[in-house]
Amino acid sequence: MPNNAMDVCTQEHDYQHQMKYPIASFWSNRQQGFIHGKDNKKLSWISLTSPAHNKAILMVNGRTESAERYQELFFDLFRQGFDIYSYDHRGQGRSERLLDDPHMGHVEDFQDYVDDLHSLVEHFNFNRYSRRFILAHSMGGAISTRYIQSHPTHPFHAIALSAPMFGINMPSPLRAIAKPLCKTLMRWKKHPHYAIGQSSYQRTPFIDNNLSHSELRFEWSANLFDDNKDIQMGGPSTQWVWQAILGCEQCVKEATQINIPLLLLQATQDTIVDNNAQNHFIAQLSHTRQDAILLPIADARHEVLVEKDPARNQALDAIFGFFAQ
């Protein structure tokens, strides 16, 4: 069995030293490059590997993110014997932006994300590892789920999802009209535009954030984006919202197409994604798989993997134990 996360993973009391020295040094040894995804869009990737490792994790991150913000997580996973692969989705991070406004989160079709993930899996030879896993967060959870559902001969042995986007958290009246409203707005405005209430990149003060209770981890991430204009990301376009809703619905509708063990880490205080949709997904999947696990993480906001130690440790212990099986 793997070691306890509290003993082997970065903890907040030593966080700043770890980030500044061992983790910064570890990150400087990454390999990186670009591959071409759907429609020849350039996708930025990174890998952190060791000849001594025989197991690998592909980390699929969420909307607005970049692989760069997961340096601490990659360090902790690597020290557990995993080679790490990750990338930035089209239109964000260091991958090719899709619009004249580089801050606007946009996608033409949710399937483009899934096709990009397939291109990345094809690029790296995961079959040379004896154990192969996907770890995905938020929007990455939906993309990875759709990938597994639509590519039954994929190379992975199991998948762990952190706060997956199987539904977007919104008030019930808005949820009922969201799709037709998006379609109407897109007809009115021929060019991509920010969804209602959304705008370009702005730093959120910790006190106003709904992502993490950990001030240390939140501020490190916020500083990373402030200091690197190339990876800054703002709100989504109306087109993105419409496509995201369709992608979420497809995930739940085809839940039983998952053909590997699945762990779903649910943030009990999530206000970004819809936990009821996650519950529905697991209920559907449980009809065909006894190895579908829903684990609520107490006192966790949406960013389970960059939360305060108790929540983060619980999540990492669950991931390590699940992959060890």
C-alpha atoms as a PDB file:
ATOM      1  CA  MET A   1       0.000   0.000   0.000  1.00  0.00           C
ATOM      2  CA  PRO A   2       1.180   3.574  -0.646  1.00  0.00           C
ATOM      3  CA  ASN A   3       2.409   5.749   2.188  1.00  0.00           C
ATOM      4  CA  ASN A   4       0.121   8.197   3.954  1.00  0.00           C
ATOM      5  CA  ALA A   5      -0.085  11.511   2.053  1.00  0.00           C
ATOM      6  CA  MET A   6       0.498  13.492   5.249  1.00  0.00           C
ATOM      7  CA  ASP A   7       3.919  11.841   5.562  1.00  0.00           C
ATOM      8  CA  VAL A   8       5.056  11.860   1.924  1.00  0.00           C
ATOM      9  CA  CYS A   9       3.384  14.876   0.270  1.00  0.00           C
ATOM     10  CA  THR A  10       4.003  18.621   0.555  1.00  0.00           C
ATOM     11  CA  GLN A  11       2.317  20.181   3.597  1.00  0.00           C
ATOM     12  CA  GLU A  12       1.421  23.802   4.228  1.00  0.00           C
ATOM     13  CA  HIS A  13       3.811  24.304   7.177  1.00  0.00           C
ATOM     14  CA  ASP A  14       6.738  23.791   4.770  1.00  0.00           C
ATOM     15  CA  TYR A  15       4.982  24.859   1.575  1.00  0.00           C
ATOM     16  CA  GLN A  16       6.925  28.000   0.692  1.00  0.00           C
ATOM     17  CA  HIS A  17      10.318  26.331   1.165  1.00  0.00           C
ATOM     18  CA  GLN A  18       9.229  23.289  -0.864  1.00  0.00           C
ATOM     19  CA  MET A  19       7.905  25.421  -3.734  1.00  0.00           C
ATOM     20  CA  LYS A  20      10.971  27.659  -3.823  1.00  0.00           C
ATOM     21  CA  TYR A  21      13.621  24.938  -3.733  1.00  0.00           C
ATOM     22  CA  PRO A  22      12.881  21.203  -4.294  1.00  0.00           C
ATOM     23  CA  ILE A  23       9.763  21.724  -6.429  1.00  0.00           C
ATOM     24  CA  ALA A  24      11.255  24.570  -8.501  1.00  0.00           C
ATOM     25  CA  SER A  25      14.308  22.378  -9.157  1.00  0.00           C
ATOM     26  CA  PHE A  26      12.094  19.402 -10.052  1.00  0.00           C
ATOM     27  CA  TRP A  27      10.020  21.556 -12.435  1.00  0.00           C
ATOM     28  CA  SER A  28      13.129  22.884 -14.183  1.00  0.00           C
ATOM     29  CA  ASN A  29      13.918  19.303 -15.290  1.00  0.00           C
ATOM     30  CA  ARG A  30      10.651  18.875 -17.241  1.00  0.00           C
ATOM     31  CA  GLN A  31      10.552  18.084 -20.924  1.00  0.00           C
ATOM     32  CA  GLN A  32       8.181  20.227 -22.969  1.00  0.00           C
ATOM     33  CA  GLY A  33       7.052  20.819 -26.511  1.00  0.00           C
ATOM     34  CA  PHE A  34       4.072  21.135 -28.827  1.00  0.00           C
ATOM     35  CA  ILE A  35       1.957  18.701 -30.767  1.00  0.00           C
ATOM     36  CA  HIS A  36      -0.777  19.467 -33.273  1.00  0.00           C
ATOM     37  CA  GLY A  37      -4.320  18.680 -32.188  1.00  0.00           C
ATOM     38  CA  LYS A  38      -7.622  18.900 -34.044  1.00  0.00           C
ATOM     39  CA  ASP A  39      -7.516  21.326 -36.995  1.00  0.00           C
ATOM     40  CA  ASN A  40      -3.734  21.591 -36.534  1.00  0.00           C
ATOM     41  CA  LYS A  41      -4.022  23.702 -33.351  1.00  0.00           C
ATOM     42  CA  LYS A  42      -0.758  23.770 -31.360  1.00  0.00           C
ATOM     43  CA  LEU A  43      -1.022  22.131 -27.952  1.00  0.00           C
ATOM     44  CA  SER A  44       1.638  22.705 -25.298  1.00  0.00           C
ATOM     45  CA  TRP A  45       2.676  19.582 -23.332  1.00  0.00           C
ATOM     46  CA  ILE A  46       5.061  18.753 -20.487  1.00  0.00           C
ATOM     47  CA  SER A  47       6.465  15.493 -19.114  1.00  0.00           C
ATOM     48  CA  LEU A  48       8.448  14.559 -16.003  1.00  0.00           C
ATOM     49  CA  THR A  49       9.927  11.098 -16.278  1.00  0.00           C
ATOM     50  CA  SER A  50      12.467   8.717 -14.745  1.00  0.00           C
ATOM     51  CA  PRO A  51      13.948   5.494 -16.199  1.00  0.00           C
ATOM     52  CA  ALA A  52      13.162   3.891 -12.822  1.00  0.00           C
ATOM     53  CA  HIS A  53       9.386   4.359 -13.184  1.00  0.00           C
ATOM     54  CA  ASN A  54       7.033   1.772 -14.692  1.00  0.00           C
ATOM     55  CA  LYS A  55       3.730   3.575 -14.126  1.00  0.00           C
ATOM     56  CA  ALA A  56       2.384   6.820 -15.579  1.00  0.00           C
ATOM     57  CA  ILE A  57      -0.305   9.424 -14.949  1.00  0.00           C
ATOM     58  CA  LEU A  58      -1.772  11.683 -17.612  1.00  0.00           C
ATOM     59  CA  MET A  59      -3.100  14.796 -15.848  1.00  0.00           C
ATOM     60  CA  VAL A  60      -5.935  16.599 -17.677  1.00  0.00           C
ATOM     61  CA  ASN A  61      -6.577  20.006 -16.135  1.00  0.00           C
ATOM     62  CA  GLY A  62      -9.567  22.325 -16.056  1.00  0.00           C
ATOM     63  CA  ARG A  63     -10.780  25.482 -17.797  1.00  0.00           C
ATOM     64  CA  THR A  64      -8.471  28.531 -17.472  1.00  0.00           C
ATOM     65  CA  GLU A  65      -5.629  26.324 -16.212  1.00  0.00           C
ATOM     66  CA  SER A  66      -2.119  25.463 -17.316  1.00  0.00           C
ATOM     67  CA  ALA A  67       0.065  22.480 -16.445  1.00  0.00           C
ATOM     68  CA  GLU A  68       2.351  25.002 -14.729  1.00  0.00           C
ATOM     69  CA  ARG A  69      -0.006  25.469 -11.796  1.00  0.00           C
ATOM     70  CA  TYR A  70       0.237  21.785 -10.829  1.00  0.00           C
ATOM     71  CA  GLN A  71       3.960  21.718 -10.013  1.00  0.00           C
ATOM     72  CA  GLU A  72       3.325  20.704  -6.389  1.00  0.00           C
ATOM     73  CA  LEU A  73       0.933  17.912  -7.393  1.00  0.00           C
ATOM     74  CA  PHE A  74       3.332  16.585 -10.041  1.00  0.00           C
ATOM     75  CA  PHE A  75       6.155  16.590  -7.470  1.00  0.00           C
ATOM     76  CA  ASP A  76       4.055  14.557  -5.029  1.00  0.00           C
ATOM     77  CA  LEU A  77       2.932  12.089  -7.714  1.00  0.00           C
ATOM     78  CA  PHE A  78       6.444  11.706  -9.123  1.00  0.00           C
ATOM     79  CA  ARG A  79       7.815  10.852  -5.666  1.00  0.00           C
ATOM     80  CA  GLN A  80       5.255   8.027  -5.543  1.00  0.00           C
ATOM     81  CA  GLY A  81       6.886   6.500  -8.625  1.00  0.00           C
ATOM     82  CA  PHE A  82       4.710   7.921 -11.416  1.00  0.00           C
ATOM     83  CA  ASP A  83       5.928   9.464 -14.653  1.00  0.00           C
ATOM     84  CA  ILE A  84       3.824  12.562 -15.322  1.00  0.00           C
ATOM     85  CA  TYR A  85       2.354  13.828 -18.591  1.00  0.00           C
ATOM     86  CA  SER A  86       0.141  16.891 -18.942  1.00  0.00           C
ATOM     87  CA  TYR A  87      -0.846  19.558 -21.453  1.00  0.00           C
ATOM     88  CA  ASP A  88      -2.774  22.798 -21.910  1.00  0.00           C
ATOM     89  CA  HIS A  89      -6.127  22.693 -23.674  1.00  0.00           C
ATOM     90  CA  ARG A  90      -6.647  24.570 -26.939  1.00  0.00           C
ATOM     91  CA  GLY A  91      -7.308  28.251 -26.334  1.00  0.00           C
ATOM     92  CA  GLN A  92      -5.648  28.410 -22.918  1.00  0.00           C
ATOM     93  CA  GLY A  93      -2.335  28.085 -21.069  1.00  0.00           C
ATOM     94  CA  ARG A  94       0.585  27.993 -23.496  1.00  0.00           C
ATOM     95  CA  SER A  95      -1.438  26.272 -26.218  1.00  0.00           C
ATOM     96  CA  GLU A  96      -2.621  28.146 -29.297  1.00  0.00           C
ATOM     97  CA  ARG A  97      -5.354  30.703 -28.553  1.00  0.00           C
ATOM     98  CA  LEU A  98      -8.446  30.599 -30.748  1.00  0.00           C
ATOM     99  CA  LEU A  99      -9.623  34.214 -30.792  1.00  0.00           C
ATOM    100  CA  ASP A 100      -8.301  37.758 -31.220  1.00  0.00           C
ATOM    101  CA  ASP A 101      -9.079  38.251 -27.518  1.00  0.00           C
ATOM    102  CA  PRO A 102      -6.639  35.769 -25.930  1.00  0.00           C
ATOM    103  CA  HIS A 103      -8.427  35.983 -22.553  1.00  0.00           C
ATOM    104  CA  MET A 104     -11.765  34.655 -23.807  1.00  0.00           C
ATOM    105  CA  GLY A 105     -12.278  30.959 -23.097  1.00  0.00           C
ATOM    106  CA  HIS A 106     -13.725  29.453 -26.257  1.00  0.00           C
ATOM    107  CA  VAL A 107     -14.255  26.228 -28.150  1.00  0.00           C
ATOM    108  CA  GLU A 108     -16.130  25.602 -31.394  1.00  0.00           C
ATOM    109  CA  ASP A 109     -17.206  22.096 -30.402  1.00  0.00           C
ATOM    110  CA  PHE A 110     -16.657  20.248 -27.098  1.00  0.00           C
ATOM    111  CA  GLN A 111     -15.546  17.249 -29.156  1.00  0.00           C
ATOM    112  CA  ASP A 112     -12.461  19.292 -30.201  1.00  0.00           C
ATOM    113  CA  TYR A 113     -11.148  18.916 -26.634  1.00  0.00           C
ATOM    114  CA  VAL A 114     -11.714  15.151 -26.775  1.00  0.00           C
ATOM    115  CA  ASP A 115      -9.965  14.860 -30.142  1.00  0.00           C
ATOM    116  CA  ASP A 116      -7.025  16.856 -28.759  1.00  0.00           C
ATOM    117  CA  LEU A 117      -6.727  14.457 -25.824  1.00  0.00           C
ATOM    118  CA  HIS A 118      -6.751  11.518 -28.223  1.00  0.00           C
ATOM    119  CA  SER A 119      -3.944  13.163 -30.240  1.00  0.00           C
ATOM    120  CA  LEU A 120      -1.887  13.546 -27.070  1.00  0.00           C
ATOM    121  CA  VAL A 121      -2.427   9.917 -26.002  1.00  0.00           C
ATOM    122  CA  GLU A 122      -1.365   8.786 -29.486  1.00  0.00           C
ATOM    123  CA  HIS A 123       1.752  10.988 -29.303  1.00  0.00           C
ATOM    124  CA  PHE A 124       3.075   9.419 -26.086  1.00  0.00           C
ATOM    125  CA  ASN A 125       3.674   5.682 -25.945  1.00  0.00           C
ATOM    126  CA  PHE A 126       1.796   4.850 -22.745  1.00  0.00           C
ATOM    127  CA  ASN A 127       1.847   1.148 -23.576  1.00  0.00           C
ATOM    128  CA  ARG A 128       5.468   0.955 -22.450  1.00  0.00           C
ATOM    129  CA  TYR A 129       4.249   1.399 -18.843  1.00  0.00           C
ATOM    130  CA  SER A 130       2.907  -1.548 -16.873  1.00  0.00           C
ATOM    131  CA  ARG A 131       0.287   0.705 -15.175  1.00  0.00           C
ATOM    132  CA  ARG A 132      -1.351   3.697 -16.843  1.00  0.00           C
ATOM    133  CA  PHE A 133      -3.822   6.159 -15.346  1.00  0.00           C
ATOM    134  CA  ILE A 134      -5.717   9.381 -16.012  1.00  0.00           C
ATOM    135  CA  LEU A 135      -6.119  12.016 -13.292  1.00  0.00           C
ATOM    136  CA  ALA A 136      -8.422  14.835 -14.362  1.00  0.00           C
ATOM    137  CA  HIS A 137      -9.902  17.969 -12.807  1.00  0.00           C
ATOM    138  CA  SER A 138     -13.149  19.832 -13.525  1.00  0.00           C
ATOM    139  CA  MET A 139     -13.515  20.437 -17.284  1.00  0.00           C
ATOM    140  CA  GLY A 140     -10.649  17.976 -17.735  1.00  0.00           C
ATOM    141  CA  GLY A 141     -12.839  15.420 -15.977  1.00  0.00           C
ATOM    142  CA  ALA A 142     -15.562  15.857 -18.579  1.00  0.00           C
ATOM    143  CA  ILE A 143     -13.063  15.730 -21.457  1.00  0.00           C
ATOM    144  CA  SER A 144     -11.403  12.589 -20.080  1.00  0.00           C
ATOM    145  CA  THR A 145     -14.758  10.935 -19.456  1.00  0.00           C
ATOM    146  CA  ARG A 146     -15.861  11.588 -23.026  1.00  0.00           C
ATOM    147  CA  TYR A 147     -12.494  10.277 -24.264  1.00  0.00           C
ATOM    148  CA  ILE A 148     -12.844   6.990 -22.339  1.00  0.00           C
ATOM    149  CA  GLN A 149     -16.485   6.653 -23.408  1.00  0.00           C
ATOM    150  CA  SER A 150     -15.707   7.166 -27.098  1.00  0.00           C
ATOM    151  CA  HIS A 151     -12.346   5.342 -27.328  1.00  0.00           C
ATOM    152  CA  PRO A 152     -12.952   1.878 -25.820  1.00  0.00           C
ATOM    153  CA  THR A 153      -9.476   0.635 -26.856  1.00  0.00           C
ATOM    154  CA  HIS A 154      -7.687   3.408 -24.887  1.00  0.00           C
ATOM    155  CA  PRO A 155      -4.509   2.333 -22.991  1.00  0.00           C
ATOM    156  CA  PHE A 156      -5.549   3.272 -19.422  1.00  0.00           C
ATOM    157  CA  HIS A 157      -6.201   0.982 -16.442  1.00  0.00           C
ATOM    158  CA  ALA A 158      -8.186   3.399 -14.248  1.00  0.00           C
ATOM    159  CA  ILE A 159      -9.324   7.028 -14.031  1.00  0.00           C
ATOM    160  CA  ALA A 160      -9.612   9.420 -11.062  1.00  0.00           C
ATOM    161  CA  LEU A 161     -11.717  12.564 -11.394  1.00  0.00           C
ATOM    162  CA  SER A 162     -11.387  15.629  -9.157  1.00  0.00           C
ATOM    163  CA  ALA A 163     -14.613  17.678  -9.041  1.00  0.00           C
ATOM    164  CA  PRO A 164     -15.504  16.721 -12.629  1.00  0.00           C
ATOM    165  CA  MET A 165     -17.667  19.066 -14.679  1.00  0.00           C
ATOM    166  CA  PHE A 166     -20.697  16.857 -15.328  1.00  0.00           C
ATOM    167  CA  GLY A 167     -22.939  19.883 -14.880  1.00  0.00           C
ATOM    168  CA  ILE A 168     -22.321  23.608 -14.373  1.00  0.00           C
ATOM    169  CA  ASN A 169     -23.593  24.979 -11.066  1.00  0.00           C
ATOM    170  CA  MET A 170     -26.255  27.581 -11.816  1.00  0.00           C
ATOM    171  CA  PRO A 171     -29.622  28.593 -10.343  1.00  0.00           C
ATOM    172  CA  SER A 172     -32.465  26.261 -11.380  1.00  0.00           C
ATOM    173  CA  PRO A 173     -34.379  28.907 -13.413  1.00  0.00           C
ATOM    174  CA  LEU A 174     -31.226  29.698 -15.406  1.00  0.00           C
ATOM    175  CA  ARG A 175     -30.414  26.015 -15.924  1.00  0.00           C
ATOM    176  CA  ALA A 176     -33.810  25.521 -17.561  1.00  0.00           C
ATOM    177  CA  ILE A 177     -33.190  28.227 -20.176  1.00  0.00           C
ATOM    178  CA  ALA A 178     -29.381  28.127 -20.483  1.00  0.00           C
ATOM    179  CA  LYS A 179     -29.177  26.246 -23.791  1.00  0.00           C
ATOM    180  CA  PRO A 180     -31.841  28.208 -25.683  1.00  0.00           C
ATOM    181  CA  LEU A 181     -30.481  31.472 -24.221  1.00  0.00           C
ATOM    182  CA  CYS A 182     -26.965  30.650 -25.484  1.00  0.00           C
ATOM    183  CA  LYS A 183     -28.317  29.812 -28.941  1.00  0.00           C
ATOM    184  CA  THR A 184     -30.284  33.070 -29.091  1.00  0.00           C
ATOM    185  CA  LEU A 185     -27.284  35.176 -27.991  1.00  0.00           C
ATOM    186  CA  MET A 186     -25.071  33.447 -30.555  1.00  0.00           C
ATOM    187  CA  ARG A 187     -27.572  34.260 -33.320  1.00  0.00           C
ATOM    188  CA  TRP A 188     -27.696  37.912 -32.282  1.00  0.00           C
ATOM    189  CA  LYS A 189     -23.924  38.305 -32.116  1.00  0.00           C
ATOM    190  CA  LYS A 190     -22.171  36.654 -35.033  1.00  0.00           C
ATOM    191  CA  HIS A 191     -18.707  36.831 -33.448  1.00  0.00           C
ATOM    192  CA  PRO A 192     -17.653  35.088 -30.207  1.00  0.00           C
ATOM    193  CA  HIS A 193     -18.456  37.166 -27.138  1.00  0.00           C
ATOM    194  CA  TYR A 194     -18.178  36.747 -23.378  1.00  0.00           C
ATOM    195  CA  ALA A 195     -21.054  34.930 -21.704  1.00  0.00           C
ATOM    196  CA  ILE A 196     -23.315  37.091 -19.538  1.00  0.00           C
ATOM    197  CA  GLY A 197     -21.408  38.443 -16.538  1.00  0.00           C
ATOM    198  CA  GLN A 198     -17.993  37.277 -17.811  1.00  0.00           C
ATOM    199  CA  SER A 199     -14.936  39.368 -18.715  1.00  0.00           C
ATOM    200  CA  SER A 200     -11.185  39.236 -19.403  1.00  0.00           C
ATOM    201  CA  TYR A 201      -8.568  38.089 -16.857  1.00  0.00           C
ATOM    202  CA  GLN A 202      -8.764  39.634 -13.391  1.00  0.00           C
ATOM    203  CA  ARG A 203      -7.031  38.460 -10.243  1.00  0.00           C
ATOM    204  CA  THR A 204      -9.492  37.351  -7.568  1.00  0.00           C
ATOM    205  CA  PRO A 205      -8.615  38.314  -3.969  1.00  0.00           C
ATOM    206  CA  PHE A 206      -8.310  35.255  -1.708  1.00  0.00           C
ATOM    207  CA  ILE A 207     -11.132  36.468   0.522  1.00  0.00           C
ATOM    208  CA  ASP A 208     -13.528  36.443  -2.468  1.00  0.00           C
ATOM    209  CA  ASN A 209     -12.448  33.118  -3.966  1.00  0.00           C
ATOM    210  CA  ASN A 210     -14.667  30.035  -4.229  1.00  0.00           C
ATOM    211  CA  LEU A 211     -11.910  27.619  -5.296  1.00  0.00           C
ATOM    212  CA  SER A 212      -9.788  26.818  -2.216  1.00  0.00           C
ATOM    213  CA  HIS A 213      -9.548  27.420   1.535  1.00  0.00           C
ATOM    214  CA  SER A 214      -5.736  27.290   1.333  1.00  0.00           C
ATOM    215  CA  GLU A 215      -4.446  30.859   1.202  1.00  0.00           C
ATOM    216  CA  LEU A 216      -0.863  29.661   0.587  1.00  0.00           C
ATOM    217  CA  ARG A 217      -1.742  27.522  -2.415  1.00  0.00           C
ATOM    218  CA  PHE A 218      -4.287  30.006  -3.776  1.00  0.00           C
ATOM    219  CA  GLU A 219      -1.883  32.964  -3.643  1.00  0.00           C
ATOM    220  CA  TRP A 220       0.994  30.973  -5.193  1.00  0.00           C
ATOM    221  CA  SER A 221      -1.279  30.103  -8.136  1.00  0.00           C
ATOM    222  CA  ALA A 222      -2.632  33.664  -8.437  1.00  0.00           C
ATOM    223  CA  ASN A 223       0.936  35.022  -8.466  1.00  0.00           C
ATOM    224  CA  LEU A 224       1.892  32.515 -11.171  1.00  0.00           C
ATOM    225  CA  PHE A 225      -0.846  33.839 -13.468  1.00  0.00           C
ATOM    226  CA  ASP A 226      -0.152  37.474 -12.577  1.00  0.00           C
ATOM    227  CA  ASP A 227       3.531  37.007 -13.430  1.00  0.00           C
ATOM    228  CA  ASN A 228       2.933  35.096 -16.688  1.00  0.00           C
ATOM    229  CA  LYS A 229       0.680  37.030 -19.049  1.00  0.00           C
ATOM    230  CA  ASP A 230       0.934  34.237 -21.648  1.00  0.00           C
ATOM    231  CA  ILE A 231      -1.142  31.868 -19.497  1.00  0.00           C
ATOM    232  CA  GLN A 232      -3.767  34.337 -18.246  1.00  0.00           C
ATOM    233  CA  MET A 233      -7.370  33.390 -18.957  1.00  0.00           C
ATOM    234  CA  GLY A 234     -10.658  35.187 -18.464  1.00  0.00           C
ATOM    235  CA  GLY A 235     -14.289  34.132 -18.635  1.00  0.00           C
ATOM    236  CA  PRO A 236     -15.870  31.842 -21.219  1.00  0.00           C
ATOM    237  CA  SER A 237     -17.681  32.722 -24.416  1.00  0.00           C
ATOM    238  CA  THR A 238     -21.364  31.995 -24.853  1.00  0.00           C
ATOM    239  CA  GLN A 239     -20.352  29.321 -27.382  1.00  0.00           C
ATOM    240  CA  TRP A 240     -18.146  27.659 -24.736  1.00  0.00           C
ATOM    241  CA  VAL A 241     -21.028  27.595 -22.228  1.00  0.00           C
ATOM    242  CA  TRP A 242     -23.353  26.009 -24.793  1.00  0.00           C
ATOM    243  CA  GLN A 243     -20.771  23.396 -25.808  1.00  0.00           C
ATOM    244  CA  ALA A 244     -19.844  22.693 -22.181  1.00  0.00           C
ATOM    245  CA  ILE A 245     -23.487  21.997 -21.309  1.00  0.00           C
ATOM    246  CA  LEU A 246     -23.747  19.582 -24.252  1.00  0.00           C
ATOM    247  CA  GLY A 247     -20.496  17.866 -23.204  1.00  0.00           C
ATOM    248  CA  CYS A 248     -21.685  17.513 -19.599  1.00  0.00           C
ATOM    249  CA  GLU A 249     -24.989  16.000 -20.686  1.00  0.00           C
ATOM    250  CA  GLN A 250     -23.193  13.498 -22.913  1.00  0.00           C
ATOM    251  CA  CYS A 251     -20.942  12.401 -20.030  1.00  0.00           C
ATOM    252  CA  VAL A 252     -23.934  11.505 -17.850  1.00  0.00           C
ATOM    253  CA  LYS A 253     -26.025  10.076 -20.681  1.00  0.00           C
ATOM    254  CA  GLU A 254     -23.254   7.643 -21.659  1.00  0.00           C
ATOM    255  CA  ALA A 255     -22.006   6.905 -18.131  1.00  0.00           C
ATOM    256  CA  THR A 256     -22.234   3.147 -18.670  1.00  0.00           C
ATOM    257  CA  GLN A 257     -19.733   3.357 -21.563  1.00  0.00           C
ATOM    258  CA  ILE A 258     -16.902   3.725 -19.016  1.00  0.00           C
ATOM    259  CA  ASN A 259     -14.905   0.483 -19.219  1.00  0.00           C
ATOM    260  CA  ILE A 260     -12.335   0.929 -16.407  1.00  0.00           C
ATOM    261  CA  PRO A 261     -12.483   1.510 -12.610  1.00  0.00           C
ATOM    262  CA  LEU A 262     -13.424   5.116 -11.792  1.00  0.00           C
ATOM    263  CA  LEU A 263     -12.914   7.240  -8.676  1.00  0.00           C
ATOM    264  CA  LEU A 264     -14.849  10.489  -8.359  1.00  0.00           C
ATOM    265  CA  LEU A 265     -13.614  12.951  -5.703  1.00  0.00           C
ATOM    266  CA  GLN A 266     -16.523  15.263  -4.886  1.00  0.00           C
ATOM    267  CA  ALA A 267     -15.828  18.643  -3.254  1.00  0.00           C
ATOM    268  CA  THR A 268     -18.599  19.010  -0.672  1.00  0.00           C
ATOM    269  CA  GLN A 269     -18.482  22.846  -0.848  1.00  0.00           C
ATOM    270  CA  ASP A 270     -18.291  23.104  -4.636  1.00  0.00           C
ATOM    271  CA  THR A 271     -20.073  26.105  -6.168  1.00  0.00           C
ATOM    272  CA  ILE A 272     -18.499  25.783  -9.643  1.00  0.00           C
ATOM    273  CA  VAL A 273     -19.795  22.433 -10.873  1.00  0.00           C
ATOM    274  CA  ASP A 274     -23.042  20.599 -10.103  1.00  0.00           C
ATOM    275  CA  ASN A 275     -22.570  17.839  -7.531  1.00  0.00           C
ATOM    276  CA  ASN A 276     -26.055  16.461  -8.263  1.00  0.00           C
ATOM    277  CA  ALA A 277     -24.903  15.711 -11.817  1.00  0.00           C
ATOM    278  CA  GLN A 278     -21.912  13.814 -10.362  1.00  0.00           C
ATOM    279  CA  ASN A 279     -24.280  11.802  -8.147  1.00  0.00           C
ATOM    280  CA  HIS A 280     -26.448  10.993 -11.158  1.00  0.00           C
ATOM    281  CA  PHE A 281     -23.403   9.935 -13.192  1.00  0.00           C
ATOM    282  CA  ILE A 282     -22.192   7.536 -10.479  1.00  0.00           C
ATOM    283  CA  ALA A 283     -25.715   6.135 -10.005  1.00  0.00           C
ATOM    284  CA  GLN A 284     -25.868   5.388 -13.742  1.00  0.00           C
ATOM    285  CA  LEU A 285     -22.365   3.923 -13.905  1.00  0.00           C
ATOM    286  CA  SER A 286     -22.978   1.725 -10.846  1.00  0.00           C
ATOM    287  CA  HIS A 287     -25.517  -0.271 -12.867  1.00  0.00           C
ATOM    288  CA  THR A 288     -22.669  -1.742 -14.900  1.00  0.00           C
ATOM    289  CA  ARG A 289     -19.562  -1.336 -12.715  1.00  0.00           C
ATOM    290  CA  GLN A 290     -19.059  -2.227  -9.057  1.00  0.00           C
ATOM    291  CA  ASP A 291     -15.706  -0.373  -9.101  1.00  0.00           C
ATOM    292  CA  ALA A 292     -17.207   3.104  -9.565  1.00  0.00           C
ATOM    293  CA  ILE A 293     -16.474   5.027  -6.360  1.00  0.00           C
ATOM    294  CA  LEU A 294     -17.869   8.385  -5.229  1.00  0.00           C
ATOM    295  CA  LEU A 295     -15.816   9.919  -2.405  1.00  0.00           C
ATOM    296  CA  PRO A 296     -17.015  13.210  -0.875  1.00  0.00           C
ATOM    297  CA  ILE A 297     -14.082  15.325   0.356  1.00  0.00           C
ATOM    298  CA  ALA A 298     -15.163  17.202   3.489  1.00  0.00           C
ATOM    299  CA  ASP A 299     -14.592  20.967   3.729  1.00  0.00           C
ATOM    300  CA  ALA A 300     -13.304  21.121   0.155  1.00  0.00           C
ATOM    301  CA  ARG A 301     -14.080  23.789  -2.394  1.00  0.00           C
ATOM    302  CA  HIS A 302     -13.777  23.108  -6.129  1.00  0.00           C
ATOM    303  CA  GLU A 303      -9.958  22.897  -6.306  1.00  0.00           C
ATOM    304  CA  VAL A 304      -9.638  19.679  -4.299  1.00  0.00           C
ATOM    305  CA  LEU A 305      -5.992  19.156  -5.311  1.00  0.00           C
ATOM    306  CA  VAL A 306      -4.915  22.648  -4.208  1.00  0.00           C
ATOM    307  CA  GLU A 307      -6.933  22.723  -0.979  1.00  0.00           C
ATOM    308  CA  LYS A 308      -5.837  22.913   2.665  1.00  0.00           C
ATOM    309  CA  ASP A 309      -3.873  19.894   3.877  1.00  0.00           C
ATOM    310  CA  PRO A 310      -6.707  17.827   5.452  1.00  0.00           C
ATOM    311  CA  ALA A 311      -8.826  17.851   2.274  1.00  0.00           C
ATOM    312  CA  ARG A 312      -5.861  17.545  -0.097  1.00  0.00           C
ATOM    313  CA  ASN A 313      -4.324  14.694   1.903  1.00  0.00           C
ATOM    314  CA  GLN A 314      -7.630  12.813   1.906  1.00  0.00           C
ATOM    315  CA  ALA A 315      -7.879  13.230  -1.873  1.00  0.00           C
ATOM    316  CA  LEU A 316      -4.282  12.129  -2.497  1.00  0.00           C
ATOM    317  CA  ASP A 317      -4.596   9.131  -0.159  1.00  0.00           C
ATOM    318  CA  ALA A 318      -7.693   8.067  -2.098  1.00  0.00           C
ATOM    319  CA  ILE A 319      -5.928   8.503  -5.464  1.00  0.00           C
ATOM    320  CA  PHE A 320      -2.819   6.580  -4.354  1.00  0.00           C
ATOM    321  CA  GLY A 321      -4.880   3.768  -2.866  1.00  0.00           C
ATOM    322  CA  PHE A 322      -7.175   3.554  -5.876  1.00  0.00           C
ATOM    323  CA  PHE A 323      -4.330   3.433  -8.401  1.00  0.00           C
ATOM    324  CA  ALA A 324      -2.482   0.866  -6.222  1.00  0.00           C
ATOM    325  CA  GLN A 325      -5.414  -1.544  -6.628  1.00  0.00           C
END
